[in-house]
Amino acid sequence: MMIFNYLCLGVAASAVFGAAMAIFLYRKHVRNTLMTIDNMITAAIDGSFSEHVFDESLLSSVEARFSQFLSIHAVSSQKLLAEKNKINKLISDIAHQTKTPVANILLYAQLLGEYDLPQDVSICVKALNSQAEKLHFLTDVLVKTSQLETGIIRVSPRREPVQKLLDYVGQQVFPKAEAKGISFAMADTAIHARFDLKWTAEAVYNVVDNAVKYTDKGGSIVVQVIEYELFCRIDITDTGTGIAEEEQTNIFKRFYRSPAVQMLEGVGIGLFLTREILTAEGGYIQVRSNFGGGSTFSIFLPIDRFPV
């Protein structure tokens, strides 16, 4: 009887030991699988993933299929990047090829404008100069938007005083507003935010310049800054023509222009570029407007609470 009891205990102990070993080996296999997948993901993020690094004969079915997925994704990403680079190179080449002819047209138009010309010829020369300037502006903006979209140019946000941004924009816009008889007021602020000064200045300028363009003589433009926990908000409020509600979702599209302002100069690219810049640096833009009642564009820039 004692021998039987010892035998049962031995069998039970062996079973427990076997189960423990099975659990240990299973957990080790799972851990190894997860470590392999983690290494694959790390390599994919670093851009160094290659199927040749991982021997499929040693991988489980899940690991092998995941390896194939990452390999396909890596090839697709490389093709996409190559296509983006081709598009950017094409646009840059076009811009480069048109830069000199457009500059020459502008120069010749300015030289012609210095002569005492008949009125009808003078009108044609002014129109030529205006259209050449528009073409020059459009080419420049197309290159910038292409480079932003393809990631060739990246914004570099850092902690900057918002007042520095506003002063830079104000110096460019104030003479235009004054010449048009528009009241221009800009609040002082001590707020700091995270943004790329060069690109964000262009983004804010596009909005303020539009405010001047679409506000009649005797109107007003007010720029205010409001601080929130996570964002700094810059409000540009004008008493201009305003934007119909049904059009407000379209104004940030490339080349969109409202039928109500077709008679005014413009190509419909400024607000699109503004949104691209702000999105690239973690900000965004909103609009509140009524047709005939002016507009308020709100630009949101991330706030840096913990400067390095």
Protein backbone atom coordinates (compact mmCIF):
# COMPACT_ATOMS: atom_id res chain seq x y z
CA MET A 1 0.00 0.00 0.00
CA MET A 2 2.82 2.35 0.91
CA ILE A 3 4.52 1.57 -2.41
CA PHE A 4 1.30 2.42 -4.24
CA ASN A 5 1.00 5.75 -2.39
CA TYR A 6 4.60 6.63 -3.20
CA LEU A 7 4.00 5.69 -6.79
CA CYS A 8 0.93 7.96 -6.97
CA LEU A 9 2.86 10.81 -5.39
CA GLY A 10 5.66 10.29 -7.90
CA VAL A 11 3.25 10.33 -10.81
CA ALA A 12 1.53 13.45 -9.45
CA ALA A 13 4.85 15.19 -8.90
CA SER A 14 5.96 14.26 -12.40
CA ALA A 15 2.67 15.58 -13.80
CA VAL A 16 3.04 18.86 -11.90
CA PHE A 17 6.67 19.18 -12.99
CA GLY A 18 5.71 18.38 -16.58
CA ALA A 19 2.89 20.93 -16.51
CA ALA A 20 5.20 23.54 -15.00
CA MET A 21 7.81 22.86 -17.69
CA ALA A 22 5.16 23.06 -20.41
CA ILE A 23 3.93 26.40 -19.04
CA PHE A 24 7.51 27.67 -18.76
CA LEU A 25 8.37 26.63 -22.31
CA TYR A 26 5.11 28.09 -23.64
CA ARG A 27 5.69 31.41 -21.89
CA LYS A 28 9.28 31.44 -23.16
CA HIS A 29 8.01 30.82 -26.70
CA VAL A 30 5.45 33.63 -26.39
CA ARG A 31 8.09 35.97 -24.96
CA ASN A 32 10.50 35.15 -27.78
CA THR A 33 7.76 35.68 -30.36
CA LEU A 34 6.85 39.06 -28.86
CA MET A 35 10.52 40.06 -28.72
CA THR A 36 10.95 39.13 -32.39
CA ILE A 37 7.85 41.11 -33.37
CA ASP A 38 9.06 44.04 -31.24
CA ASN A 39 12.42 43.96 -33.06
CA MET A 40 10.58 43.90 -36.39
CA ILE A 41 8.48 46.93 -35.42
CA THR A 42 11.56 48.79 -34.17
CA ALA A 43 13.37 48.07 -37.44
CA ALA A 44 10.30 49.19 -39.43
CA ILE A 45 10.10 52.47 -37.49
CA ASP A 46 13.83 53.08 -38.01
CA GLY A 47 13.45 52.33 -41.72
CA SER A 48 15.97 49.47 -41.52
CA PHE A 49 13.56 46.52 -41.75
CA SER A 50 14.50 43.73 -44.14
CA GLU A 51 13.15 40.21 -44.51
CA HIS A 52 16.72 38.95 -44.93
CA VAL A 53 17.46 39.88 -41.31
CA PHE A 54 14.81 37.44 -40.07
CA ASP A 55 15.13 33.75 -41.09
CA GLU A 56 11.63 32.53 -41.98
CA SER A 57 12.63 28.92 -41.21
CA LEU A 58 13.06 29.91 -37.57
CA LEU A 59 9.93 32.06 -37.32
CA SER A 60 6.49 30.99 -36.24
CA SER A 61 3.59 31.36 -38.66
CA VAL A 62 2.50 34.62 -36.98
CA GLU A 63 6.03 36.03 -37.04
CA ALA A 64 6.54 35.04 -40.67
CA ARG A 65 3.26 36.64 -41.82
CA PHE A 66 3.99 39.77 -39.79
CA SER A 67 7.44 39.92 -41.38
CA GLN A 68 5.86 39.69 -44.84
CA PHE A 69 3.39 42.47 -43.96
CA LEU A 70 6.16 44.80 -42.80
CA SER A 71 8.20 44.00 -45.91
CA ILE A 72 5.26 44.88 -48.19
CA HIS A 73 4.64 48.06 -46.17
CA ALA A 74 8.32 49.05 -46.43
CA VAL A 75 8.28 48.59 -50.22
CA SER A 76 5.05 50.64 -50.50
CA SER A 77 6.52 53.42 -48.35
CA GLN A 78 9.65 53.53 -50.51
CA LYS A 79 7.57 53.73 -53.69
CA LEU A 80 5.40 56.49 -52.20
CA LEU A 81 8.46 58.48 -51.14
CA ALA A 82 9.97 58.07 -54.61
CA GLU A 83 6.76 59.33 -56.23
CA LYS A 84 6.64 62.32 -53.86
CA ASN A 85 10.23 63.17 -54.72
CA LYS A 86 9.46 62.94 -58.45
CA ILE A 87 6.46 65.26 -58.10
CA ASN A 88 8.44 67.77 -56.06
CA LYS A 89 11.34 67.67 -58.54
CA LEU A 90 8.92 68.22 -61.44
CA ILE A 91 7.31 71.23 -59.76
CA SER A 92 10.71 72.63 -58.77
CA ASP A 93 11.96 72.21 -62.35
CA ILE A 94 8.88 73.96 -63.74
CA ALA A 95 9.29 76.79 -61.22
CA HIS A 96 12.98 77.14 -62.08
CA GLN A 97 12.30 77.19 -65.83
CA THR A 98 9.58 79.86 -65.48
CA LYS A 99 11.39 82.03 -62.94
CA THR A 100 13.68 83.82 -65.41
CA PRO A 101 11.03 84.45 -68.12
CA VAL A 102 8.58 85.84 -65.55
CA ALA A 103 11.29 88.05 -64.03
CA ASN A 104 12.12 89.36 -67.52
CA ILE A 105 8.45 90.09 -68.26
CA LEU A 106 8.19 92.05 -65.00
CA LEU A 107 11.37 93.98 -65.82
CA TYR A 108 10.23 94.86 -69.35
CA ALA A 109 6.78 95.89 -68.11
CA GLN A 110 8.36 98.18 -65.51
CA LEU A 111 10.68 99.70 -68.13
CA LEU A 112 7.75 100.31 -70.48
CA GLY A 113 5.86 101.96 -67.63
CA GLU A 114 8.58 104.61 -67.36
CA TYR A 115 7.84 105.90 -70.88
CA ASP A 116 5.18 108.44 -71.77
CA LEU A 117 2.80 106.01 -73.47
CA PRO A 118 -0.68 106.49 -74.92
CA GLN A 119 -3.41 105.78 -72.39
CA ASP A 120 -4.57 102.53 -73.99
CA VAL A 121 -0.99 101.20 -74.16
CA SER A 122 -0.34 102.28 -70.56
CA ILE A 123 -3.40 100.31 -69.42
CA CYS A 124 -2.11 97.22 -71.23
CA VAL A 125 1.34 97.58 -69.65
CA LYS A 126 -0.18 97.83 -66.16
CA ALA A 127 -2.30 94.74 -66.83
CA LEU A 128 0.78 92.88 -68.10
CA ASN A 129 2.72 93.81 -64.98
CA SER A 130 -0.15 92.75 -62.70
CA GLN A 131 -0.58 89.36 -64.38
CA ALA A 132 3.17 88.70 -64.35
CA GLU A 133 3.30 89.43 -60.61
CA LYS A 134 0.38 87.05 -60.08
CA LEU A 135 2.16 84.31 -62.05
CA HIS A 136 5.34 84.86 -60.04
CA PHE A 137 3.40 84.64 -56.76
CA LEU A 138 1.49 81.54 -57.87
CA THR A 139 4.65 79.70 -58.93
CA ASP A 140 6.34 80.52 -55.63
CA VAL A 141 3.37 79.33 -53.55
CA LEU A 142 2.95 76.13 -55.59
CA VAL A 143 6.56 75.21 -54.87
CA LYS A 144 6.11 75.89 -51.15
CA THR A 145 2.89 73.87 -50.87
CA SER A 146 4.41 71.00 -52.83
CA GLN A 147 7.45 70.92 -50.57
CA LEU A 148 5.29 70.99 -47.45
CA GLU A 149 2.96 68.24 -48.69
CA THR A 150 5.78 65.94 -49.78
CA GLY A 151 7.75 66.53 -46.59
CA ILE A 152 10.76 67.95 -48.44
CA ILE A 153 10.52 71.06 -46.27
CA ARG A 154 9.68 70.50 -42.62
CA VAL A 155 8.63 73.16 -40.16
CA SER A 156 10.83 73.44 -37.08
CA PRO A 157 8.65 74.67 -34.20
CA ARG A 158 10.36 76.07 -31.14
CA ARG A 159 9.42 78.33 -28.24
CA GLU A 160 9.00 81.87 -29.58
CA PRO A 161 7.32 85.09 -28.36
CA VAL A 162 4.01 85.57 -30.17
CA GLN A 163 4.63 89.33 -30.18
CA LYS A 164 7.66 88.78 -32.43
CA LEU A 165 5.41 86.99 -34.91
CA LEU A 166 2.76 89.73 -34.83
CA ASP A 167 5.31 92.53 -35.20
CA TYR A 168 6.78 90.85 -38.27
CA VAL A 169 3.36 90.46 -39.89
CA GLY A 170 2.26 93.95 -38.86
CA GLN A 171 5.25 95.58 -40.57
CA GLN A 172 4.19 93.97 -43.85
CA VAL A 173 0.45 94.60 -43.63
CA PHE A 174 0.12 97.98 -41.89
CA PRO A 175 1.23 100.08 -44.93
CA LYS A 176 -1.39 98.31 -47.10
CA ALA A 177 -4.15 98.92 -44.56
CA GLU A 178 -3.14 102.56 -44.12
CA ALA A 179 -3.05 103.15 -47.88
CA LYS A 180 -6.56 101.72 -48.18
CA GLY A 181 -7.94 103.79 -45.29
CA ILE A 182 -8.52 100.80 -43.00
CA SER A 183 -8.08 101.01 -39.23
CA PHE A 184 -5.55 98.39 -38.08
CA ALA A 185 -5.17 97.53 -34.37
CA MET A 186 -2.92 94.84 -32.93
CA ALA A 187 -2.85 93.95 -29.23
CA ASP A 188 0.45 93.53 -27.36
CA THR A 189 1.10 90.17 -25.72
CA ALA A 190 3.75 88.46 -23.58
CA ILE A 191 2.59 84.94 -24.49
CA HIS A 192 5.03 82.36 -25.84
CA ALA A 193 4.08 79.45 -28.10
CA ARG A 194 5.71 76.72 -30.19
CA PHE A 195 5.93 77.57 -33.88
CA ASP A 196 8.29 78.00 -36.80
CA LEU A 197 8.67 81.79 -37.06
CA LYS A 198 9.32 81.96 -40.80
CA TRP A 199 6.50 79.64 -41.91
CA THR A 200 3.98 80.79 -39.29
CA ALA A 201 4.59 84.42 -40.24
CA GLU A 202 3.61 83.48 -43.78
CA ALA A 203 0.51 81.66 -42.50
CA VAL A 204 -0.66 84.62 -40.39
CA TYR A 205 0.24 87.10 -43.12
CA ASN A 206 -2.01 85.28 -45.60
CA VAL A 207 -4.99 85.69 -43.26
CA VAL A 208 -4.31 89.34 -42.38
CA ASP A 209 -3.59 90.22 -46.01
CA ASN A 210 -6.96 88.71 -46.99
CA ALA A 211 -8.61 90.84 -44.31
CA VAL A 212 -7.11 93.98 -45.89
CA LYS A 213 -8.05 92.82 -49.39
CA TYR A 214 -11.71 92.11 -48.59
CA THR A 215 -12.34 95.07 -46.25
CA ASP A 216 -13.56 98.35 -47.75
CA LYS A 217 -12.19 101.80 -47.04
CA GLY A 218 -13.25 102.99 -43.59
CA GLY A 219 -13.40 99.43 -42.23
CA SER A 220 -11.31 97.97 -39.43
CA ILE A 221 -9.09 95.00 -38.63
CA VAL A 222 -8.34 93.93 -35.06
CA VAL A 223 -5.76 91.30 -34.03
CA GLN A 224 -6.12 89.87 -30.52
CA VAL A 225 -4.32 87.10 -28.63
CA ILE A 226 -5.95 84.77 -26.09
CA GLU A 227 -4.09 82.24 -23.94
CA TYR A 228 -5.50 78.80 -23.15
CA GLU A 229 -4.00 75.86 -21.29
CA LEU A 230 -2.71 74.09 -24.40
CA PHE A 231 -2.99 76.66 -27.18
CA CYS A 232 -2.46 80.32 -27.94
CA ARG A 233 -5.30 81.71 -30.05
CA ILE A 234 -4.74 84.60 -32.46
CA ASP A 235 -7.99 86.21 -33.63
CA ILE A 236 -7.99 88.29 -36.82
CA THR A 237 -11.33 90.12 -37.01
CA ASP A 238 -12.36 92.32 -39.93
CA THR A 239 -15.44 94.23 -41.06
CA GLY A 240 -15.11 92.98 -44.62
CA THR A 241 -17.46 91.20 -47.01
CA GLY A 242 -17.79 88.09 -44.87
CA ILE A 243 -18.20 84.48 -46.01
CA ALA A 244 -21.47 82.65 -46.53
CA GLU A 245 -21.94 79.67 -44.20
CA GLU A 246 -22.17 77.15 -47.05
CA GLU A 247 -18.77 78.32 -48.36
CA GLN A 248 -16.83 78.20 -45.10
CA THR A 249 -15.85 74.54 -45.54
CA ASN A 250 -14.43 75.29 -49.00
CA ILE A 251 -12.24 78.33 -48.36
CA PHE A 252 -9.26 76.23 -47.21
CA LYS A 253 -9.27 74.15 -50.40
CA ARG A 254 -6.57 74.73 -52.97
CA PHE A 255 -7.54 77.33 -55.63
CA TYR A 256 -11.04 77.88 -54.19
CA ARG A 257 -12.39 81.41 -54.58
CA SER A 258 -15.85 82.58 -53.62
CA PRO A 259 -18.02 83.76 -56.52
CA ALA A 260 -18.64 86.93 -54.49
CA VAL A 261 -14.98 88.03 -54.76
CA GLN A 262 -14.06 86.90 -58.27
CA MET A 263 -13.58 90.52 -59.35
CA LEU A 264 -10.77 91.00 -56.81
CA GLU A 265 -7.15 89.91 -57.26
CA GLY A 266 -6.25 86.48 -55.91
CA VAL A 267 -5.56 82.86 -56.83
CA GLY A 268 -7.17 81.00 -53.91
CA ILE A 269 -4.00 79.42 -52.51
CA GLY A 270 -3.21 81.50 -49.39
CA LEU A 271 -5.61 79.89 -46.90
CA PHE A 272 -4.74 76.42 -48.17
CA LEU A 273 -1.05 77.11 -47.50
CA THR A 274 -1.92 78.59 -44.09
CA ARG A 275 -3.76 75.43 -43.03
CA GLU A 276 -0.92 73.20 -44.28
CA ILE A 277 1.66 75.16 -42.27
CA LEU A 278 -0.39 75.20 -39.06
CA THR A 279 -1.23 71.50 -39.31
CA ALA A 280 2.44 70.66 -39.82
CA GLU A 281 3.39 72.33 -36.53
CA GLY A 282 0.50 70.95 -34.45
CA GLY A 283 -1.87 73.91 -34.74
CA TYR A 284 -5.09 74.60 -36.62
CA ILE A 285 -7.35 77.36 -37.93
CA GLN A 286 -11.07 78.12 -37.57
CA VAL A 287 -13.37 80.73 -39.10
CA ARG A 288 -16.54 82.46 -37.90
CA SER A 289 -18.28 84.67 -40.43
CA ASN A 290 -21.54 85.97 -41.81
CA PHE A 291 -21.90 87.14 -45.39
CA GLY A 292 -21.83 90.94 -45.31
CA GLY A 293 -20.96 90.97 -41.60
CA GLY A 294 -17.21 90.51 -41.48
CA SER A 295 -15.10 87.53 -40.42
CA THR A 296 -12.97 86.26 -37.55
CA PHE A 297 -10.19 83.81 -38.32
CA SER A 298 -8.75 82.08 -35.25
CA ILE A 299 -5.25 80.63 -35.47
CA PHE A 300 -4.29 78.15 -32.73
CA LEU A 301 -0.62 77.58 -31.90
CA PRO A 302 0.58 75.01 -29.32
CA ILE A 303 1.81 76.52 -26.05
CA ASP A 304 5.14 75.40 -24.62
CA ARG A 305 4.74 75.36 -20.83
CA PHE A 306 8.04 73.67 -20.15
CA PRO A 307 10.85 75.41 -22.03
CA VAL A 308 14.10 73.50 -22.22
